[in-house]
Amino acid sequence: MRALVQRVSEASVTVEGDRVAAIGPGLVVLLGITHDDDAARPEHAEPLYERVAGALNAQRGRFGAHMEVALVNDGPVTVLVELSPPRS
């Protein structure tokens, strides 16, 4: 799982012409969930996405949709966080 975190003065997400989320000053998290080198299957990735968004009490886009993300960086402050599953 990778998260690119950016500090913003404002941001919004639009899906099919409808604004589904918007914030003022805060953080935008662009979340990618993978399995090995390929993108994770939706039935695996979506519950993880929902769990992360819920833990952050975050507004969200629409999983699997084509989203238009607009943001105004405040900084620049950008942090890349990468978590790997434990190896067995």
C-alpha atoms as a PDB file:
ATOM      1  CA  MET A   1       0.000   0.000   0.000  1.00  0.00           C
ATOM      2  CA  ARG A   2       1.319   3.433  -0.910  1.00  0.00           C
ATOM      3  CA  ALA A   3       0.006   6.794   0.185  1.00  0.00           C
ATOM      4  CA  LEU A   4       1.148  10.103  -1.232  1.00  0.00           C
ATOM      5  CA  VAL A   5       0.210  12.773   1.306  1.00  0.00           C
ATOM      6  CA  GLN A   6       0.133  16.438   0.326  1.00  0.00           C
ATOM      7  CA  ARG A   7      -0.668  19.472   2.457  1.00  0.00           C
ATOM      8  CA  VAL A   8      -3.213  21.639   0.631  1.00  0.00           C
ATOM      9  CA  SER A   9      -5.008  24.931   1.096  1.00  0.00           C
ATOM     10  CA  GLU A  10      -8.014  23.407  -0.709  1.00  0.00           C
ATOM     11  CA  ALA A  11      -8.943  20.318  -2.715  1.00  0.00           C
ATOM     12  CA  SER A  12     -11.916  18.653  -4.361  1.00  0.00           C
ATOM     13  CA  VAL A  13     -12.863  15.437  -6.152  1.00  0.00           C
ATOM     14  CA  THR A  14     -15.350  15.345  -9.028  1.00  0.00           C
ATOM     15  CA  VAL A  15     -16.864  12.165 -10.511  1.00  0.00           C
ATOM     16  CA  GLU A  16     -18.966  12.352 -13.684  1.00  0.00           C
ATOM     17  CA  GLY A  17     -19.523  16.080 -13.190  1.00  0.00           C
ATOM     18  CA  ASP A  18     -20.596  15.762  -9.530  1.00  0.00           C
ATOM     19  CA  ARG A  19     -18.353  17.129  -6.764  1.00  0.00           C
ATOM     20  CA  VAL A  20     -18.223  14.239  -4.284  1.00  0.00           C
ATOM     21  CA  ALA A  21     -15.736  15.708  -1.786  1.00  0.00           C
ATOM     22  CA  ALA A  22     -14.133  19.056  -0.972  1.00  0.00           C
ATOM     23  CA  ILE A  23     -11.934  20.413   1.817  1.00  0.00           C
ATOM     24  CA  GLY A  24     -10.287  23.667   2.806  1.00  0.00           C
ATOM     25  CA  PRO A  25      -6.856  23.557   4.478  1.00  0.00           C
ATOM     26  CA  GLY A  26      -5.787  20.003   5.253  1.00  0.00           C
ATOM     27  CA  LEU A  27      -4.201  16.904   3.784  1.00  0.00           C
ATOM     28  CA  VAL A  28      -4.906  15.025   0.558  1.00  0.00           C
ATOM     29  CA  VAL A  29      -4.039  11.324   0.579  1.00  0.00           C
ATOM     30  CA  LEU A  30      -3.658   9.616  -2.782  1.00  0.00           C
ATOM     31  CA  LEU A  31      -3.883   5.925  -1.873  1.00  0.00           C
ATOM     32  CA  GLY A  32      -2.669   3.007  -3.994  1.00  0.00           C
ATOM     33  CA  ILE A  33      -3.182  -0.598  -2.941  1.00  0.00           C
ATOM     34  CA  THR A  34      -1.125  -3.209  -4.767  1.00  0.00           C
ATOM     35  CA  HIS A  35      -0.302  -6.881  -4.626  1.00  0.00           C
ATOM     36  CA  ASP A  36       3.249  -7.622  -5.738  1.00  0.00           C
ATOM     37  CA  ASP A  37       3.876  -5.587  -8.928  1.00  0.00           C
ATOM     38  CA  ASP A  38       0.270  -5.466 -10.212  1.00  0.00           C
ATOM     39  CA  ALA A  39      -2.663  -3.427  -8.974  1.00  0.00           C
ATOM     40  CA  ALA A  40      -4.676  -5.420  -6.271  1.00  0.00           C
ATOM     41  CA  ARG A  41      -8.024  -6.911  -7.354  1.00  0.00           C
ATOM     42  CA  PRO A  42     -11.006  -4.691  -6.409  1.00  0.00           C
ATOM     43  CA  GLU A  43     -12.477  -7.210  -3.962  1.00  0.00           C
ATOM     44  CA  HIS A  44      -9.203  -7.057  -2.007  1.00  0.00           C
ATOM     45  CA  ALA A  45      -8.370  -3.372  -2.477  1.00  0.00           C
ATOM     46  CA  GLU A  46     -11.753  -1.777  -1.756  1.00  0.00           C
ATOM     47  CA  PRO A  47     -12.096  -3.045   1.851  1.00  0.00           C
ATOM     48  CA  LEU A  48      -8.552  -1.814   2.585  1.00  0.00           C
ATOM     49  CA  TYR A  49      -9.359   1.564   1.010  1.00  0.00           C
ATOM     50  CA  GLU A  50     -12.515   1.839   3.136  1.00  0.00           C
ATOM     51  CA  ARG A  51     -10.621   0.840   6.288  1.00  0.00           C
ATOM     52  CA  VAL A  52      -7.909   3.466   5.736  1.00  0.00           C
ATOM     53  CA  ALA A  53     -10.445   6.182   4.850  1.00  0.00           C
ATOM     54  CA  GLY A  54     -12.525   5.289   7.915  1.00  0.00           C
ATOM     55  CA  ALA A  55      -9.499   5.318  10.229  1.00  0.00           C
ATOM     56  CA  LEU A  56      -8.602   8.798   8.936  1.00  0.00           C
ATOM     57  CA  ASN A  57     -12.231   9.965   9.095  1.00  0.00           C
ATOM     58  CA  ALA A  58     -11.587  11.160   5.546  1.00  0.00           C
ATOM     59  CA  GLN A  59     -13.802  12.495   2.824  1.00  0.00           C
ATOM     60  CA  ARG A  60     -13.330  10.291  -0.198  1.00  0.00           C
ATOM     61  CA  GLY A  61     -13.686   9.942  -3.894  1.00  0.00           C
ATOM     62  CA  ARG A  62     -15.489   6.986  -5.430  1.00  0.00           C
ATOM     63  CA  PHE A  63     -13.556   3.716  -5.489  1.00  0.00           C
ATOM     64  CA  GLY A  64     -12.805   2.542  -9.025  1.00  0.00           C
ATOM     65  CA  ALA A  65     -14.292   5.639 -10.681  1.00  0.00           C
ATOM     66  CA  HIS A  66     -12.547   8.040 -13.032  1.00  0.00           C
ATOM     67  CA  MET A  67     -11.960  10.998 -10.699  1.00  0.00           C
ATOM     68  CA  GLU A  68     -10.921  14.570 -11.351  1.00  0.00           C
ATOM     69  CA  VAL A  69      -8.822  15.702  -8.394  1.00  0.00           C
ATOM     70  CA  ALA A  70      -8.159  19.419  -8.013  1.00  0.00           C
ATOM     71  CA  LEU A  71      -5.828  20.676  -5.312  1.00  0.00           C
ATOM     72  CA  VAL A  72      -3.770  23.681  -4.335  1.00  0.00           C
ATOM     73  CA  ASN A  73      -0.532  22.621  -2.635  1.00  0.00           C
ATOM     74  CA  ASP A  74       0.387  24.445   0.562  1.00  0.00           C
ATOM     75  CA  GLY A  75       4.089  24.228   1.102  1.00  0.00           C
ATOM     76  CA  PRO A  76       5.418  22.252  -0.677  1.00  0.00           C
ATOM     77  CA  VAL A  77       4.842  19.434   1.777  1.00  0.00           C
ATOM     78  CA  THR A  78       4.643  15.992   0.177  1.00  0.00           C
ATOM     79  CA  VAL A  79       5.275  12.684   1.967  1.00  0.00           C
ATOM     80  CA  LEU A  80       5.336   9.199   0.433  1.00  0.00           C
ATOM     81  CA  VAL A  81       4.364   6.380   2.819  1.00  0.00           C
ATOM     82  CA  GLU A  82       4.821   2.765   1.744  1.00  0.00           C
ATOM     83  CA  LEU A  83       3.642  -0.233   3.752  1.00  0.00           C
ATOM     84  CA  SER A  84       4.447  -3.792   2.743  1.00  0.00           C
ATOM     85  CA  PRO A  85       2.579  -6.835   4.028  1.00  0.00           C
ATOM     86  CA  PRO A  86       4.563  -9.096   6.363  1.00  0.00           C
ATOM     87  CA  ARG A  87       6.453 -11.865   4.546  1.00  0.00           C
ATOM     88  CA  SER A  88       5.615 -15.403   5.627  1.00  0.00           C
END
